[in-house]
Amino acid sequence: MNALPPGEPKFRRRPDERPAEILAAALDVFSEHGFQATRMEEVARRAGVSKGAVYLYFPTKSELFQAVVQDAIVPNVETLKALVSQAPSFETAIRIGLPGLAERLLEDGRVTGVIKLIIAESRSHPELAELWHGTVIEPALSMMTGLIERAQGRGEVRAGDARYFAFGLMGPMLLTAIWRETFQPVGAQPIEPGLLAEQHLDTVLKGMRP
């Protein structure tokens, strides 16, 4: 048995896991407290590492937040890209990809907490909105717009502004995040992200057909 002495710091026990543990702790703290109120000391405490270890990997709070977005959010967008690229038709791609993305992102209260953080603090910290837009929103929107434009070229989708069609498809995801963070805490009935996405698609896709 390789029992460790009592009180052995977590970061010494599993040095290869330090960045992942720090990012998981940071996602919790950012979603609970917001960007401004988050302290690196609290992230270190939650991760079970020293404050110096946090700064070793992430020299500033902004860099830590950027890494959290890259680690927790971006892989879901990449997964969606992979799914839709293999679908035989536009409607199949949307029905496969969008409800699943909504469930993966919006059923995680930490992710909706980060979305709330972006909305609440973007005026005082515009770099957060720039990061979210450039890393998450614009890539997802561009992918969806391109998918719609190609479907229009094949005659699967009627004429219209493809980017606005994309906004219409993605709108309920933002509604769900706001609802979960603003109204559910005061007793509003919860929204099921996957169910909302599926019902919304039934309506919107009919309107997009030629």
Protein backbone atom coordinates (compact mmCIF):
# COMPACT_ATOMS: atom_id res chain seq x y z
CA MET A 1 0.00 0.00 0.00
CA ASN A 2 1.24 3.48 -0.85
CA ALA A 3 -0.72 5.29 1.78
CA LEU A 4 -0.06 9.01 1.84
CA PRO A 5 0.63 10.88 5.05
CA PRO A 6 -2.42 12.64 6.50
CA GLY A 7 -2.81 16.14 5.13
CA GLU A 8 -0.75 15.50 2.02
CA PRO A 9 -1.83 18.27 -0.43
CA LYS A 10 -3.94 17.13 -3.33
CA PHE A 11 -1.69 18.83 -5.87
CA ARG A 12 1.30 16.77 -4.67
CA ARG A 13 -0.65 13.54 -4.85
CA ARG A 14 -1.80 14.04 -8.47
CA PRO A 15 0.40 16.63 -10.18
CA ASP A 16 -0.78 15.65 -13.67
CA GLU A 17 -4.36 16.43 -12.67
CA ARG A 18 -3.70 19.90 -11.28
CA PRO A 19 -4.94 21.93 -14.29
CA ALA A 20 -8.14 19.89 -14.62
CA GLU A 21 -8.89 20.17 -10.90
CA ILE A 22 -8.24 23.90 -10.95
CA LEU A 23 -10.53 24.40 -13.97
CA ALA A 24 -13.33 22.33 -12.40
CA ALA A 25 -13.08 24.36 -9.20
CA ALA A 26 -12.93 27.63 -11.13
CA LEU A 27 -16.09 26.74 -13.07
CA ASP A 28 -17.90 26.22 -9.76
CA VAL A 29 -16.63 29.46 -8.26
CA PHE A 30 -17.23 31.63 -11.32
CA SER A 31 -20.78 30.31 -11.72
CA GLU A 32 -21.56 30.89 -8.02
CA HIS A 33 -19.94 34.27 -7.45
CA GLY A 34 -19.46 35.91 -10.84
CA PHE A 35 -16.22 37.17 -12.30
CA GLN A 36 -15.65 40.25 -10.16
CA ALA A 37 -16.25 38.49 -6.84
CA THR A 38 -14.24 35.37 -7.65
CA ARG A 39 -10.99 35.13 -5.75
CA MET A 40 -8.06 32.96 -6.80
CA GLU A 41 -7.70 31.90 -3.15
CA GLU A 42 -11.18 30.38 -3.24
CA VAL A 43 -10.44 28.56 -6.49
CA ALA A 44 -7.26 27.16 -4.92
CA ARG A 45 -9.13 26.06 -1.81
CA ARG A 46 -11.82 24.28 -3.82
CA ALA A 47 -9.22 22.58 -5.99
CA GLY A 48 -7.16 21.53 -2.99
CA VAL A 49 -4.04 23.26 -4.26
CA SER A 50 -1.99 26.24 -3.16
CA LYS A 51 -2.70 29.72 -4.49
CA GLY A 52 0.75 29.63 -6.05
CA ALA A 53 -0.20 26.50 -8.03
CA VAL A 54 -3.19 28.31 -9.51
CA TYR A 55 -1.03 31.25 -10.58
CA LEU A 56 1.56 28.84 -11.99
CA TYR A 57 -0.92 27.57 -14.57
CA PHE A 58 -3.14 30.65 -14.89
CA PRO A 59 -1.27 33.91 -14.19
CA THR A 60 -4.41 36.08 -14.18
CA LYS A 61 -8.10 35.65 -13.41
CA SER A 62 -8.94 36.54 -17.02
CA GLU A 63 -6.69 33.76 -18.29
CA LEU A 64 -8.30 31.35 -15.84
CA PHE A 65 -11.77 32.30 -17.06
CA GLN A 66 -10.68 31.90 -20.68
CA ALA A 67 -9.37 28.43 -19.89
CA VAL A 68 -12.65 27.54 -18.16
CA VAL A 69 -14.62 28.51 -21.27
CA GLN A 70 -12.25 26.55 -23.50
CA ASP A 71 -12.46 23.50 -21.24
CA ALA A 72 -16.15 23.44 -20.33
CA ILE A 73 -17.96 24.99 -23.31
CA VAL A 74 -15.96 24.77 -26.52
CA PRO A 75 -15.81 20.93 -26.66
CA ASN A 76 -19.62 20.86 -26.83
CA VAL A 77 -19.59 23.13 -29.89
CA GLU A 78 -16.98 20.89 -31.51
CA THR A 79 -19.12 17.84 -30.76
CA LEU A 80 -22.07 19.52 -32.44
CA LYS A 81 -19.95 20.24 -35.53
CA ALA A 82 -18.94 16.60 -35.77
CA LEU A 83 -22.53 15.40 -35.41
CA VAL A 84 -24.07 17.69 -38.01
CA SER A 85 -21.29 17.11 -40.54
CA GLN A 86 -22.32 13.44 -40.80
CA ALA A 87 -26.08 13.98 -41.12
CA PRO A 88 -27.72 13.18 -44.49
CA SER A 89 -29.96 16.28 -44.50
CA PHE A 90 -30.29 19.68 -42.89
CA GLU A 91 -33.33 18.75 -40.82
CA THR A 92 -31.69 15.56 -39.59
CA ALA A 93 -28.57 17.48 -38.61
CA ILE A 94 -30.56 20.03 -36.62
CA ARG A 95 -32.74 17.45 -34.90
CA ILE A 96 -29.69 15.42 -33.91
CA GLY A 97 -27.48 18.28 -32.82
CA LEU A 98 -29.52 21.06 -31.23
CA PRO A 99 -31.51 19.23 -28.53
CA GLY A 100 -28.42 17.32 -27.45
CA LEU A 101 -26.35 20.50 -27.24
CA ALA A 102 -29.10 22.20 -25.23
CA GLU A 103 -29.22 19.33 -22.76
CA ARG A 104 -25.46 19.07 -22.33
CA LEU A 105 -24.97 22.79 -21.77
CA LEU A 106 -28.13 24.01 -20.10
CA GLU A 107 -28.75 21.18 -17.65
CA ASP A 108 -25.41 22.02 -16.04
CA GLY A 109 -26.09 24.84 -13.58
CA ARG A 110 -22.44 25.84 -13.70
CA VAL A 111 -22.66 26.59 -17.42
CA THR A 112 -25.85 28.63 -17.08
CA GLY A 113 -24.19 30.40 -14.18
CA VAL A 114 -21.34 31.42 -16.47
CA ILE A 115 -23.84 32.65 -19.07
CA LYS A 116 -25.49 34.75 -16.37
CA LEU A 117 -22.04 36.05 -15.44
CA ILE A 118 -21.42 37.16 -19.04
CA ILE A 119 -24.75 39.01 -19.22
CA ALA A 120 -24.41 40.63 -15.81
CA GLU A 121 -20.77 41.72 -16.00
CA SER A 122 -20.15 42.43 -19.68
CA ARG A 123 -20.52 46.20 -19.22
CA SER A 124 -17.85 46.41 -16.55
CA HIS A 125 -15.76 43.62 -18.10
CA PRO A 126 -16.30 43.79 -21.88
CA GLU A 127 -13.41 41.39 -22.38
CA LEU A 128 -15.64 38.63 -21.00
CA ALA A 129 -18.30 39.28 -23.64
CA GLU A 130 -15.61 39.46 -26.33
CA LEU A 131 -14.21 36.13 -25.19
CA TRP A 132 -17.63 34.44 -25.10
CA HIS A 133 -18.62 35.89 -28.47
CA GLY A 134 -15.38 34.96 -30.18
CA THR A 135 -14.97 31.54 -28.61
CA VAL A 136 -18.54 30.24 -28.36
CA ILE A 137 -21.22 32.38 -30.00
CA GLU A 138 -19.65 33.30 -33.32
CA PRO A 139 -18.26 29.82 -34.09
CA ALA A 140 -21.62 28.21 -33.31
CA LEU A 141 -23.54 30.86 -35.22
CA SER A 142 -21.22 30.67 -38.23
CA MET A 143 -21.50 26.90 -38.29
CA MET A 144 -25.30 27.07 -38.15
CA THR A 145 -25.45 29.82 -40.78
CA GLY A 146 -23.24 27.83 -43.16
CA LEU A 147 -25.37 24.74 -42.61
CA ILE A 148 -28.51 26.69 -43.51
CA GLU A 149 -26.92 28.31 -46.57
CA ARG A 150 -25.88 24.92 -47.92
CA ALA A 151 -29.40 23.60 -47.26
CA GLN A 152 -30.82 26.59 -49.16
CA GLY A 153 -28.54 25.72 -52.07
CA ARG A 154 -29.96 22.17 -52.10
CA GLY A 155 -33.54 23.46 -51.91
CA GLU A 156 -34.15 22.12 -48.38
CA VAL A 157 -34.69 25.55 -46.83
CA ARG A 158 -36.64 28.47 -48.26
CA ALA A 159 -35.07 31.78 -49.21
CA GLY A 160 -34.27 34.13 -46.34
CA ASP A 161 -31.42 35.48 -44.26
CA ALA A 162 -29.54 32.38 -43.13
CA ARG A 163 -27.98 34.14 -40.15
CA TYR A 164 -31.39 35.23 -38.86
CA PHE A 165 -32.70 31.70 -39.37
CA ALA A 166 -29.79 30.57 -37.18
CA PHE A 167 -30.71 33.11 -34.49
CA GLY A 168 -34.26 31.77 -34.54
CA LEU A 169 -33.07 28.21 -34.04
CA MET A 170 -30.70 29.06 -31.19
CA GLY A 171 -32.88 31.57 -29.33
CA PRO A 172 -34.49 29.13 -26.86
CA MET A 173 -31.06 28.18 -25.52
CA LEU A 174 -30.52 31.72 -24.27
CA LEU A 175 -34.09 31.86 -22.94
CA THR A 176 -33.50 28.65 -21.00
CA ALA A 177 -30.26 29.92 -19.47
CA ILE A 178 -31.89 33.19 -18.36
CA TRP A 179 -34.97 31.38 -17.04
CA ARG A 180 -32.91 28.88 -15.07
CA GLU A 181 -30.69 31.52 -13.45
CA THR A 182 -33.31 34.24 -12.89
CA PHE A 183 -36.74 32.71 -12.37
CA GLN A 184 -36.27 29.12 -11.22
CA PRO A 185 -34.51 30.25 -8.03
CA VAL A 186 -37.68 32.14 -7.05
CA GLY A 187 -39.98 29.19 -7.70
CA ALA A 188 -40.80 29.29 -11.42
CA GLN A 189 -41.50 25.94 -13.05
CA PRO A 190 -38.28 24.52 -14.55
CA ILE A 191 -37.71 24.31 -18.30
CA GLU A 192 -36.50 21.02 -19.77
CA PRO A 193 -33.92 22.18 -22.36
CA GLY A 194 -34.16 19.12 -24.60
CA LEU A 195 -37.95 19.12 -24.68
CA LEU A 196 -38.12 22.84 -25.40
CA ALA A 197 -35.58 22.46 -28.21
CA GLU A 198 -37.50 19.60 -29.81
CA GLN A 199 -40.85 21.39 -29.68
CA HIS A 200 -39.29 24.60 -30.96
CA LEU A 201 -37.72 22.72 -33.87
CA ASP A 202 -41.08 21.22 -34.82
CA THR A 203 -42.41 24.75 -35.26
CA VAL A 204 -39.43 26.51 -36.78
CA LEU A 205 -38.39 23.82 -39.25
CA LYS A 206 -41.89 23.81 -40.75
CA GLY A 207 -41.55 27.53 -41.38
CA MET A 208 -38.12 27.11 -42.97
CA ARG A 209 -39.19 24.51 -45.52
CA PRO A 210 -39.72 25.68 -49.13
